[in-house]
Amino acid sequence: MSHVALRSACRGASLLLFASLGATAEPGAVCWKGELEVSTSNFSGSDGRVVFSKLVYDIYQSKSGVVRRELKYSHPPLRGVIGIGRDVHLIDYARGTLVVFDKDKREALRYRSLDGLERDPLAGPHERLEAMRILGHRCQGAMNRSESGGLAELRESWAATEAGFRHPFLDIARAIASPEAARRLGVQEGLLSMTVRTITHLERVEGLDDSLFRVPAGYEVVDVAPHGTGH
């Protein structure tokens, strides 16, 4: 499975945990660390079965707003995955870049734009959704839609902009096929897949090692063309 295919596979349902973390901080005032769950339900199989997968990441944010996701659990296991970008993702929202690499390979891929689920849902045109409190933070909601060739992508996101944590607390992304697209692609009409990404734990920390937000020494960084994403 390629990195793009892996990112397109991460979809599903997850539990929101609500807990007070105290007063919000100004953006850039603190570092963050927590946990992210990414669940996938794929409904596109011809036999009608639902294929489910789950990934769990440690997640960190530097004072400058760079986010690191580090894979620590997968079900089913990702053994035999082909490509680069399974283990670590470095997202720089300010610069609009994404760098991905694996710990057992000496190459990193750098994307010069944030697309798909990596794009800041509040950065461009979007439909505003009702705010929610998640993990004690007020989160602004946004809906983004796109369509191509009869395939529609619908993304609903909530981000705690007032707290300064850049990664969405909750993302729900659905892929939907029109009748024409379903016939052309040989898949069922309607909902093809659903991804739910949920921050299940988050805490402020005074500081984090700067090396968490850099590609390790000795890695070759390769620039690649803009892409579609889906973690």
Protein backbone atom coordinates (compact mmCIF):
# COMPACT_ATOMS: atom_id res chain seq x y z
CA MET A 1 0.00 0.00 0.00
CA SER A 2 1.41 3.41 -0.95
CA HIS A 3 1.48 6.36 1.44
CA VAL A 4 -1.40 7.99 -0.46
CA ALA A 5 -3.37 4.73 -0.38
CA LEU A 6 -2.68 4.34 3.33
CA ARG A 7 -3.87 7.87 4.01
CA SER A 8 -7.03 7.23 1.99
CA ALA A 9 -7.70 4.09 4.04
CA CYS A 10 -7.95 5.71 7.48
CA ARG A 11 -11.71 5.99 8.15
CA GLY A 12 -14.33 4.95 10.91
CA ALA A 13 -16.05 5.78 14.23
CA SER A 14 -14.56 6.79 17.58
CA LEU A 15 -15.66 7.95 21.06
CA LEU A 16 -15.42 11.60 22.11
CA LEU A 17 -14.09 12.15 25.61
CA PHE A 18 -15.10 15.33 27.39
CA ALA A 19 -12.92 16.63 30.24
CA SER A 20 -11.92 20.05 31.50
CA LEU A 21 -8.34 21.17 30.92
CA GLY A 22 -8.71 24.58 32.51
CA ALA A 23 -8.35 27.99 30.89
CA THR A 24 -7.31 28.15 27.24
CA ALA A 25 -3.83 29.30 26.25
CA GLU A 26 -2.80 31.84 23.67
CA PRO A 27 -1.62 30.28 20.38
CA GLY A 28 2.09 29.56 20.54
CA ALA A 29 2.29 29.95 24.33
CA VAL A 30 2.65 26.24 25.15
CA CYS A 31 3.45 22.85 23.67
CA TRP A 32 0.95 20.02 23.50
CA LYS A 33 0.97 16.24 23.58
CA GLY A 34 -1.85 13.73 23.37
CA GLU A 35 -3.34 10.86 21.45
CA LEU A 36 -5.19 10.63 18.14
CA GLU A 37 -7.43 7.76 17.00
CA VAL A 38 -8.16 7.27 13.31
CA SER A 39 -10.85 4.73 12.44
CA THR A 40 -12.00 3.63 9.00
CA SER A 41 -15.10 1.89 7.75
CA ASN A 42 -14.96 0.89 4.08
CA PHE A 43 -18.30 -0.03 2.50
CA SER A 44 -17.16 -0.40 -1.11
CA GLY A 45 -16.62 -4.17 -1.18
CA SER A 46 -18.66 -6.08 -3.75
CA ASP A 47 -19.61 -8.75 -1.19
CA GLY A 48 -21.29 -6.20 1.08
CA ARG A 49 -18.88 -6.64 3.97
CA VAL A 50 -17.62 -3.63 5.92
CA VAL A 51 -13.83 -3.49 6.27
CA PHE A 52 -12.79 -1.74 9.47
CA SER A 53 -9.35 -0.50 10.51
CA LYS A 54 -7.98 1.57 13.36
CA LEU A 55 -4.77 3.55 13.82
CA VAL A 56 -3.60 5.22 17.03
CA TYR A 57 -0.99 8.00 17.05
CA ASP A 58 0.88 9.94 19.67
CA ILE A 59 0.43 13.58 18.71
CA TYR A 60 2.58 16.58 19.62
CA GLN A 61 2.61 20.30 18.80
CA SER A 62 5.56 22.67 19.15
CA LYS A 63 5.28 26.26 20.35
CA SER A 64 5.56 27.35 16.71
CA GLY A 65 2.52 25.26 15.79
CA VAL A 66 4.19 22.33 13.99
CA VAL A 67 2.32 19.06 14.61
CA ARG A 68 3.92 15.60 14.82
CA ARG A 69 1.86 12.41 14.54
CA GLU A 70 3.68 9.19 15.42
CA LEU A 71 2.03 5.82 14.82
CA LYS A 72 1.99 3.50 17.83
CA TYR A 73 -0.81 1.01 17.09
CA SER A 74 -2.63 -0.37 14.08
CA HIS A 75 -5.38 -2.93 13.59
CA PRO A 76 -5.00 -4.85 11.42
CA PRO A 77 -1.18 -4.65 11.58
CA LEU A 78 0.51 -2.65 8.81
CA ARG A 79 3.20 -5.23 8.13
CA GLY A 80 4.07 -5.35 4.45
CA VAL A 81 2.94 -1.79 3.72
CA ILE A 82 4.67 -0.52 0.58
CA GLY A 83 5.82 3.08 0.30
CA ILE A 84 6.93 5.80 2.69
CA GLY A 85 5.01 7.66 5.36
CA ARG A 86 3.58 5.06 7.70
CA ASP A 87 5.26 6.09 10.96
CA VAL A 88 5.70 9.87 11.34
CA HIS A 89 3.93 12.91 9.86
CA LEU A 90 5.16 16.48 10.42
CA ILE A 91 2.51 19.09 9.56
CA ASP A 92 3.48 22.75 9.35
CA TYR A 93 0.21 24.65 8.99
CA ALA A 94 1.89 28.05 8.75
CA ARG A 95 4.07 27.02 5.80
CA GLY A 96 1.51 24.64 4.33
CA THR A 97 3.87 21.66 4.19
CA LEU A 98 3.74 18.00 5.19
CA VAL A 99 6.76 15.71 5.70
CA VAL A 100 6.33 11.96 6.17
CA PHE A 101 8.83 9.21 6.90
CA ASP A 102 9.27 5.74 8.37
CA LYS A 103 11.70 4.91 11.15
CA ASP A 104 13.20 1.95 9.29
CA LYS A 105 13.89 3.87 6.06
CA ARG A 106 16.30 6.72 5.34
CA GLU A 107 14.03 8.73 3.09
CA ALA A 108 11.38 11.37 3.84
CA LEU A 109 8.76 12.77 1.47
CA ARG A 110 7.95 16.49 1.60
CA TYR A 111 4.65 17.77 0.20
CA ARG A 112 4.54 21.50 -0.57
CA SER A 113 0.79 21.81 -0.02
CA LEU A 114 -1.75 20.52 2.50
CA ASP A 115 -4.59 18.71 0.76
CA GLY A 116 -7.45 16.47 1.78
CA LEU A 117 -7.69 15.78 5.50
CA GLU A 118 -4.39 17.53 6.17
CA ARG A 119 -5.68 20.89 4.98
CA ASP A 120 -6.73 23.33 7.69
CA PRO A 121 -10.55 23.06 7.50
CA LEU A 122 -11.00 26.69 8.58
CA ALA A 123 -8.39 28.19 6.24
CA GLY A 124 -10.47 28.43 3.06
CA PRO A 125 -14.13 28.70 2.02
CA HIS A 126 -16.31 26.46 4.16
CA GLU A 127 -19.76 26.16 5.66
CA ARG A 128 -19.78 27.02 9.34
CA LEU A 129 -21.09 24.35 11.71
CA GLU A 130 -22.31 24.70 15.27
CA ALA A 131 -19.49 24.88 17.81
CA MET A 132 -18.89 22.00 20.24
CA ARG A 133 -16.94 21.54 23.46
CA ILE A 134 -14.46 18.70 23.11
CA LEU A 135 -12.01 17.79 25.89
CA GLY A 136 -12.99 21.00 27.62
CA HIS A 137 -12.22 23.26 24.64
CA ARG A 138 -14.63 25.25 22.53
CA CYS A 139 -14.18 23.99 18.98
CA GLN A 140 -15.31 25.83 15.86
CA GLY A 141 -16.95 23.63 13.22
CA ALA A 142 -16.52 23.67 9.45
CA MET A 143 -17.92 21.66 6.56
CA ASN A 144 -15.97 21.24 3.33
CA ARG A 145 -17.31 19.61 0.16
CA SER A 146 -15.68 18.58 -3.08
CA GLU A 147 -16.84 16.51 -6.06
CA SER A 148 -15.16 15.02 -9.11
CA GLY A 149 -16.48 12.50 -11.60
CA GLY A 150 -19.52 11.70 -9.51
CA LEU A 151 -17.47 11.03 -6.37
CA ALA A 152 -18.22 13.43 -3.52
CA GLU A 153 -16.05 14.09 -0.46
CA LEU A 154 -17.77 15.54 2.60
CA ARG A 155 -15.66 16.62 5.58
CA GLU A 156 -16.96 17.93 8.91
CA SER A 157 -14.30 19.24 11.29
CA TRP A 158 -14.02 20.91 14.69
CA ALA A 159 -10.87 22.74 15.77
CA ALA A 160 -10.01 24.51 19.03
CA THR A 161 -8.72 27.71 17.46
CA GLU A 162 -8.88 29.71 20.71
CA ALA A 163 -6.60 27.22 22.48
CA GLY A 164 -3.93 27.40 19.78
CA PHE A 165 -3.92 23.66 19.00
CA ARG A 166 -3.85 23.44 15.19
CA HIS A 167 -4.84 19.84 14.48
CA PRO A 168 -8.64 19.32 14.41
CA PHE A 169 -10.04 17.69 17.53
CA LEU A 170 -12.61 15.86 15.41
CA ASP A 171 -12.77 15.09 11.69
CA ILE A 172 -15.53 13.10 10.01
CA ALA A 173 -14.90 12.45 6.32
CA ARG A 174 -17.23 10.57 3.98
CA ALA A 175 -16.76 9.42 0.37
CA ILE A 176 -20.02 9.09 -1.58
CA ALA A 177 -20.57 7.70 -5.09
CA SER A 178 -23.35 8.83 -7.41
CA PRO A 179 -25.26 6.14 -9.35
CA GLU A 180 -23.27 6.94 -12.50
CA ALA A 181 -19.91 6.81 -10.71
CA ALA A 182 -20.88 3.57 -8.97
CA ARG A 183 -21.66 1.88 -12.29
CA ARG A 184 -18.44 3.17 -13.86
CA LEU A 185 -16.24 2.06 -10.97
CA GLY A 186 -18.05 -1.17 -10.19
CA VAL A 187 -18.86 -0.18 -6.61
CA GLN A 188 -22.07 0.30 -4.69
CA GLU A 189 -23.99 3.55 -4.88
CA GLY A 190 -23.94 5.88 -1.89
CA LEU A 191 -21.53 5.82 1.06
CA LEU A 192 -18.20 4.21 0.13
CA SER A 193 -16.16 4.97 3.23
CA MET A 194 -16.12 6.99 6.40
CA THR A 195 -13.13 8.17 8.45
CA VAL A 196 -13.34 9.55 11.96
CA ARG A 197 -10.23 11.14 13.48
CA THR A 198 -10.58 11.97 17.17
CA ILE A 199 -8.22 13.54 19.69
CA THR A 200 -8.90 11.31 22.71
CA HIS A 201 -6.40 12.88 25.11
CA LEU A 202 -4.56 16.20 25.13
CA GLU A 203 -2.47 18.07 27.67
CA ARG A 204 -0.28 21.15 27.75
CA VAL A 205 3.41 20.70 28.45
CA GLU A 206 6.08 23.29 29.13
CA GLY A 207 8.40 22.15 26.38
CA LEU A 208 9.20 19.41 23.89
CA ASP A 209 12.49 18.41 22.30
CA ASP A 210 12.95 20.29 19.02
CA SER A 211 14.13 17.07 17.36
CA LEU A 212 10.54 15.77 17.44
CA PHE A 213 9.67 18.30 14.75
CA ARG A 214 12.61 17.69 12.41
CA VAL A 215 13.51 14.93 9.99
CA PRO A 216 16.26 12.83 11.61
CA ALA A 217 19.84 13.41 10.48
CA GLY A 218 20.92 11.18 7.63
CA TYR A 219 17.52 11.10 5.93
CA GLU A 220 17.16 12.18 2.31
CA VAL A 221 14.23 14.59 1.89
CA VAL A 222 12.47 14.23 -1.48
CA ASP A 223 9.98 16.83 -2.72
CA VAL A 224 6.86 15.37 -4.31
CA ALA A 225 3.92 16.79 -6.23
CA PRO A 226 0.68 17.89 -4.52
CA HIS A 227 -1.42 14.96 -3.46
CA GLY A 228 -4.74 13.82 -2.02
CA THR A 229 -4.60 12.85 1.65
CA GLY A 230 -6.73 11.06 4.16
CA HIS A 231 -5.24 10.19 7.53
